[in-house]
Protein backbone atom coordinates (compact mmCIF):
# COMPACT_ATOMS: atom_id res chain seq x y z
CA MET A 1 0.02 -0.32 0.28
CA ILE A 2 0.99 3.50 -1.13
CA LEU A 3 0.32 5.79 1.41
CA THR A 4 0.26 9.73 0.16
CA VAL A 5 -0.05 12.49 3.12
CA THR A 6 -0.74 16.39 2.08
CA LEU A 7 -1.02 18.58 5.01
CA ASN A 8 -2.03 21.11 3.38
CA ALA A 9 -5.43 19.88 1.22
CA ALA A 10 -7.17 21.88 -1.39
CA LEU A 11 -9.67 22.23 -3.59
CA ASP A 12 -9.12 23.34 -6.74
CA VAL A 13 -10.61 25.31 -8.85
CA THR A 14 -9.25 25.39 -12.91
CA TYR A 15 -9.98 28.27 -15.46
CA PHE A 16 -10.13 27.87 -19.00
CA VAL A 17 -9.83 31.55 -20.75
CA ASP A 18 -9.13 32.17 -24.83
CA ALA A 19 -5.73 34.57 -23.40
CA LEU A 20 -4.23 35.37 -20.31
CA VAL A 21 -4.87 39.41 -20.37
CA PRO A 22 -3.50 41.43 -17.59
CA LEU A 23 -5.92 44.39 -16.89
CA ALA A 24 -8.62 43.11 -18.56
CA SER A 25 -11.37 40.97 -17.67
CA HIS A 26 -12.12 37.10 -19.00
CA ARG A 27 -14.90 35.12 -19.81
CA VAL A 28 -14.60 31.58 -18.80
CA ASP A 29 -15.54 28.50 -20.84
CA GLU A 30 -14.94 25.94 -18.10
CA VAL A 31 -14.47 25.07 -15.06
CA HIS A 32 -12.73 21.78 -13.16
CA GLU A 33 -13.27 21.07 -9.93
CA ARG A 34 -11.43 18.60 -7.48
CA ALA A 35 -9.46 17.91 -4.47
CA GLY A 36 -6.42 18.64 -4.73
CA GLY A 37 -2.81 19.28 -2.64
CA LYS A 38 0.57 17.19 -3.90
CA GLY A 39 -0.82 14.86 -2.04
CA ILE A 40 -4.21 14.18 -3.49
CA ASN A 41 -2.87 14.81 -7.14
CA VAL A 42 -0.37 12.21 -6.66
CA ALA A 43 -3.13 9.16 -5.23
CA ARG A 44 -4.99 9.79 -7.66
CA VAL A 45 -2.22 9.45 -10.13
CA LEU A 46 -1.79 5.91 -8.55
CA GLY A 47 -5.64 5.05 -8.42
CA ALA A 48 -5.51 5.19 -11.99
CA LEU A 49 -2.58 3.50 -12.28
CA GLY A 50 -4.50 0.57 -10.24
CA CYS A 51 -2.01 0.80 -7.18
CA PRO A 52 -3.15 0.65 -3.44
CA VAL A 53 -3.29 3.52 -1.78
CA THR A 54 -4.36 5.45 0.66
CA VAL A 55 -5.47 9.25 1.47
CA THR A 56 -4.13 11.15 4.56
CA GLY A 57 -3.03 14.63 6.05
CA LEU A 58 -5.08 17.22 7.80
CA VAL A 59 -8.86 19.48 6.21
CA GLY A 60 -12.17 21.27 8.14
CA GLY A 61 -14.13 23.42 7.40
CA ALA A 62 -17.07 23.93 4.41
CA THR A 63 -14.72 23.49 1.44
CA GLY A 64 -13.00 20.56 3.06
CA ALA A 65 -16.14 18.66 2.99
CA LEU A 66 -16.06 19.76 -0.58
CA LEU A 67 -13.03 17.89 -0.67
CA ARG A 68 -14.00 15.02 1.10
CA ARG A 69 -16.89 14.07 -1.32
CA GLU A 70 -14.82 14.37 -4.63
CA LEU A 71 -12.65 12.06 -3.03
CA GLY A 72 -15.36 9.47 -2.33
CA THR A 73 -16.87 10.85 -5.89
CA ALA A 74 -13.48 9.55 -7.02
CA GLY A 75 -13.08 6.09 -5.32
CA LEU A 76 -10.08 7.53 -3.58
CA HIS A 77 -9.58 5.75 -0.32
CA ASP A 78 -9.54 8.38 2.66
CA SER A 79 -8.36 8.91 6.05
CA LEU A 80 -8.59 12.50 6.52
CA VAL A 81 -8.01 13.94 10.04
CA PRO A 82 -10.24 17.25 10.64
CA ILE A 83 -9.19 20.11 11.85
CA THR A 84 -11.63 23.56 12.27
CA GLY A 85 -10.27 25.76 9.56
CA ASP A 86 -11.37 26.07 6.97
CA SER A 87 -9.06 24.22 4.18
CA ARG A 88 -7.58 25.98 1.62
CA ARG A 89 -8.96 26.60 -2.52
CA THR A 90 -6.43 27.03 -5.50
CA VAL A 91 -7.72 28.59 -9.03
CA THR A 92 -5.32 27.69 -11.87
CA VAL A 93 -6.31 30.10 -14.62
CA VAL A 94 -5.48 27.92 -18.17
CA SER A 95 -4.69 30.20 -21.35
CA ARG A 96 -6.14 28.19 -24.30
CA ARG A 97 -4.78 29.45 -26.38
CA ASP A 98 -0.85 29.29 -25.28
CA GLY A 99 -1.41 26.35 -23.42
CA ASP A 100 0.83 27.96 -20.28
CA ALA A 101 -1.24 28.19 -16.43
CA THR A 102 -1.40 31.08 -14.06
CA VAL A 103 -2.01 29.27 -10.22
CA PHE A 104 -2.83 31.31 -7.14
CA ASN A 105 -2.22 29.14 -3.64
CA GLU A 106 -4.04 30.12 -0.78
CA THR A 107 -1.80 29.33 2.62
CA GLY A 108 -4.65 27.87 4.28
CA PRO A 109 -5.44 27.04 7.23
CA VAL A 110 -3.89 27.47 10.76
CA VAL A 111 -3.60 24.13 12.24
CA GLN A 112 -4.03 23.94 15.74
CA PRO A 113 -1.19 22.02 18.03
CA GLY A 114 -3.82 19.24 19.70
CA GLU A 115 -4.68 18.89 15.35
CA TRP A 116 -1.26 18.26 14.82
CA ARG A 117 -1.11 15.64 18.01
CA ALA A 118 -4.03 13.99 16.45
CA PHE A 119 -2.94 13.26 12.78
CA THR A 120 0.51 12.27 14.12
CA ASP A 121 -1.53 9.55 15.98
CA ARG A 122 -2.85 8.18 13.03
CA TYR A 123 -0.02 8.37 10.63
CA ALA A 124 1.73 6.58 13.17
CA LEU A 125 -1.03 4.19 12.60
CA LEU A 126 -1.18 4.06 8.89
CA VAL A 127 2.39 3.79 8.02
CA ARG A 128 2.26 0.23 9.74
CA ASP A 129 0.51 -0.80 6.51
CA ALA A 130 2.38 1.19 4.22
CA ASP A 131 4.57 -0.06 2.11
CA VAL A 132 5.62 3.28 0.86
CA VAL A 133 4.72 6.96 1.93
CA VAL A 134 5.00 9.91 0.00
CA LEU A 135 5.13 13.62 1.38
CA ALA A 136 3.77 16.49 -0.51
CA GLY A 137 3.24 19.43 -0.80
CA SER A 138 3.76 22.56 1.41
CA LEU A 139 2.47 23.32 5.18
CA PRO A 140 0.11 24.83 6.83
CA PRO A 141 0.67 27.77 9.31
CA GLY A 142 0.34 26.33 12.78
CA LEU A 143 2.83 23.21 11.71
CA PRO A 144 6.46 23.08 12.93
CA GLU A 145 9.93 23.54 10.22
CA ASP A 146 10.34 19.62 11.21
CA ALA A 147 6.23 18.13 10.65
CA TYR A 148 8.26 16.04 7.37
CA ALA A 149 10.94 15.48 9.84
CA GLN A 150 9.45 14.04 12.17
CA LEU A 151 6.45 12.00 9.58
CA VAL A 152 10.21 10.68 7.36
CA THR A 153 11.35 9.40 11.35
CA THR A 154 8.03 7.68 11.35
CA ALA A 155 8.24 6.12 8.80
CA ALA A 156 11.05 4.50 9.49
CA ALA A 157 10.70 3.53 11.78
CA ALA A 158 7.66 1.48 10.67
CA GLY A 159 9.74 0.30 7.55
CA ALA A 160 8.02 2.22 5.00
CA VAL A 161 10.40 3.99 1.90
CA THR A 162 9.80 7.81 1.95
CA VAL A 163 9.32 9.90 -1.40
CA LEU A 164 9.41 13.73 -0.07
CA ASP A 165 8.09 16.64 -2.35
CA THR A 166 8.97 20.02 -0.96
CA SER A 167 10.61 22.95 -0.73
CA GLY A 168 12.09 25.29 1.42
CA PRO A 169 12.69 25.26 4.76
CA PRO A 170 11.01 22.39 5.10
CA LEU A 171 12.67 20.21 2.74
CA LEU A 172 16.46 21.91 4.60
CA ALA A 173 14.68 20.79 7.77
CA ALA A 174 13.04 16.70 6.49
CA LEU A 175 17.02 16.45 5.11
CA ALA A 176 18.43 15.40 8.95
CA ALA A 177 15.60 12.60 9.26
CA GLY A 178 17.40 10.53 5.90
CA PRO A 179 14.20 10.83 3.51
CA ASP A 180 14.43 8.01 1.29
CA VAL A 181 13.94 9.93 -2.08
CA VAL A 182 14.09 13.54 -2.54
CA LYS A 183 11.71 14.97 -5.93
CA PRO A 184 12.74 18.68 -6.05
CA ASN A 185 12.39 21.40 -9.27
CA ALA A 186 15.95 23.17 -10.68
CA ALA A 187 14.25 26.09 -8.82
CA GLU A 188 13.75 24.81 -6.08
CA LEU A 189 17.32 22.73 -5.49
CA ALA A 190 18.67 26.03 -6.40
CA ALA A 191 16.95 28.24 -4.06
CA VAL A 192 16.93 25.71 -0.94
CA THR A 193 21.17 25.33 -1.80
CA GLY A 194 22.33 28.67 -3.42
CA GLN A 195 24.08 26.19 -5.98
CA PRO A 196 22.20 27.13 -9.55
CA ASP A 197 23.81 23.86 -11.13
CA THR A 198 21.69 21.10 -10.88
CA VAL A 199 23.76 18.68 -10.39
CA LEU A 200 25.93 20.17 -7.97
CA ALA A 201 22.90 21.18 -5.80
CA ALA A 202 21.05 17.37 -5.67
CA ALA A 203 24.51 16.57 -4.72
CA ALA A 204 24.25 18.78 -2.06
CA LEU A 205 20.75 17.25 -1.18
CA ARG A 206 22.62 14.20 -0.54
CA ALA A 207 25.44 15.18 1.60
CA LEU A 208 23.05 16.66 4.11
CA GLY A 209 20.95 13.42 4.34
CA ALA A 210 19.16 13.09 1.89
CA SER A 211 19.25 8.51 0.24
CA VAL A 212 18.31 9.66 -3.38
CA VAL A 213 17.60 13.33 -5.11
CA VAL A 214 15.52 13.38 -8.00
CA ALA A 215 16.01 17.06 -9.80
CA SER A 216 12.86 17.48 -12.39
CA SER A 217 14.31 20.22 -14.95
CA GLY A 218 10.88 20.47 -16.42
CA PRO A 219 10.71 19.55 -20.50
CA ASP A 220 14.35 18.95 -19.86
CA GLY A 221 13.28 15.74 -17.48
CA LEU A 222 14.48 13.57 -14.28
CA LEU A 223 17.92 13.52 -12.87
CA ALA A 224 18.37 10.72 -10.30
CA ILE A 225 21.93 10.58 -8.58
CA THR A 226 21.47 7.58 -6.05
CA PRO A 227 23.97 4.95 -4.06
CA ASP A 228 24.21 3.26 -7.20
CA GLY A 229 24.43 5.80 -9.19
CA SER A 230 24.14 8.25 -11.34
CA TRP A 231 20.96 8.35 -14.42
CA GLN A 232 19.09 11.15 -16.96
CA ALA A 233 16.18 11.38 -18.88
CA ALA A 234 14.07 12.89 -20.88
CA PRO A 235 11.18 12.82 -23.09
CA PRO A 236 12.09 12.46 -26.96
CA ALA A 237 9.58 15.26 -27.91
CA GLN A 238 7.92 18.43 -25.72
CA LEU A 239 4.04 17.96 -25.31
CA SER A 240 1.98 20.99 -25.38
CA GLY A 241 -0.95 22.08 -22.35
CA ASN A 242 -1.23 22.68 -18.52
CA PRO A 243 2.23 21.29 -17.04
CA THR A 244 0.36 21.87 -13.35
CA GLY A 245 0.24 17.84 -12.56
CA ALA A 246 3.22 17.09 -14.44
CA GLY A 247 5.18 17.02 -10.83
CA ASP A 248 2.51 15.35 -8.93
CA ALA A 249 2.94 12.19 -11.59
CA CYS A 250 6.39 12.37 -11.95
CA VAL A 251 6.66 11.29 -7.81
CA ALA A 252 3.32 9.01 -8.58
CA ALA A 253 5.66 7.16 -10.86
CA LEU A 254 8.46 6.77 -8.70
CA ALA A 255 6.23 5.69 -5.26
CA ALA A 256 5.18 2.80 -7.56
CA GLY A 257 8.41 1.68 -8.33
CA LEU A 258 9.66 2.10 -5.52
CA ALA A 259 6.32 -0.09 -3.98
CA VAL A 260 7.58 -2.66 -6.18
CA GLY A 261 11.56 -2.26 -5.94
CA ALA A 262 12.06 -1.58 -9.24
CA PRO A 263 15.48 -0.32 -10.86
CA TRP A 264 16.22 3.49 -11.28
CA PRO A 265 16.66 3.64 -14.54
CA GLU A 266 13.79 1.57 -14.95
CA VAL A 267 11.62 4.14 -12.52
CA LEU A 268 13.18 7.19 -13.76
CA ARG A 269 11.42 6.31 -17.66
CA GLU A 270 8.68 6.09 -16.21
CA ALA A 271 8.97 9.04 -14.04
CA VAL A 272 9.16 10.74 -16.98
CA ALA A 273 6.71 9.20 -19.05
CA LEU A 274 3.96 9.65 -16.95
CA SER A 275 5.19 12.96 -15.96
CA ALA A 276 5.24 13.95 -20.02
CA ALA A 277 1.71 12.87 -20.17
CA ALA A 278 0.08 14.29 -17.87
CA VAL A 279 0.53 17.68 -19.54
CA PRO A 280 -1.92 17.89 -22.19
CA CYS A 281 -4.22 17.18 -19.62
CA PRO A 282 -5.99 20.41 -18.29
CA VAL A 283 -6.07 19.27 -15.15
CA ALA A 284 -3.86 17.58 -12.31
CA GLY A 285 -4.68 14.57 -11.16
CA ASP A 286 -5.09 13.05 -14.35
CA PHE A 287 -2.55 11.75 -17.32
CA ASP A 288 -3.00 11.01 -21.72
CA THR A 289 -2.71 6.85 -20.73
CA ALA A 290 -2.37 6.40 -24.60
CA ILE A 291 1.13 9.09 -24.38
CA TYR A 292 1.98 7.66 -20.58
CA HIS A 293 2.06 3.75 -22.66
CA ARG A 294 3.55 5.28 -25.57
CA LEU A 295 6.23 6.94 -23.51
CA ARG A 296 7.22 4.30 -21.58
CA THR A 297 8.94 2.19 -24.67
CA THR A 298 10.80 5.53 -26.19
CA VAL A 299 12.24 7.66 -23.28
CA PRO A 300 16.17 7.62 -23.39
CA VAL A 301 18.00 6.95 -20.13
CA GLU A 302 21.52 7.37 -19.98
CA GLU A 303 23.74 6.74 -17.28
CA THR A 304 25.95 9.43 -16.03
CA HIS A 305 28.46 9.48 -13.49
CA ALA A 306 27.24 13.20 -12.17
CA ALA A 307 28.29 13.84 -8.33
CA ARG A 308 28.28 9.50 -7.74
CA THR A 309 30.70 10.05 -4.92
CA HIS A 310 28.96 12.37 -3.09
CA ARG A 311 27.80 10.68 0.58
């Protein structure tokens, strides 16, 4: 079983307009509304792949009720923990003219200390049945900066593999706990390390405690630096559309591969194929199955000796 954790769950609202023009009024010709947050998006992809998955995290208020109802409709198993604050919404505006997406992320509700304790108690029970735990997204206000570090430690004690997808101080704080895999993008890597070179920045995260770093460079693909070697992979062609959910699809592929013990070149090929297949889809959590099945046999994976000597 794969357990996904979304501490800052959201109701994702996606607007489609002909073109996004600053200081202008826009007619919205299509609206999508669904449960979101990075961990939930990952769970949605895993469910579509046929992987057993459980969703946990924090939700509250009227927005949280809508979110949970949509999860049930989607057929995702929900073990979310209630809080008093109203869950956040995110708004994505997609321009049909060029496929660009503009995202507005609310901060999220303040989580009280007692609510955090209730979550960690539930989480400690859930990880006992998990092979892989995905920890994804931002932290809502009120949670300690080392929240993910605590969850990594609990998962490790239960024998579960952890995949961490977050950024900034929560990412840095979690590294000392030794997450099995971290998946930052190039911008997040540069921000937390001060190192613009992706290879050197990824090596720096391994030196700080991450066992494996999978760095995303958007359409240029992925770089994985592991204790057993380093590989890079990129889609054979760029796809147009909304790239908002590509990172979550990538994390889903990583989790699915780790759950079955696949070798890293195979995991990386699947991650590139699945993330690329998410780009043409209008909302995060979906992917084009035809593109995915085509790319999973054509994505080139090359071994590189970059940064293999670190950690």
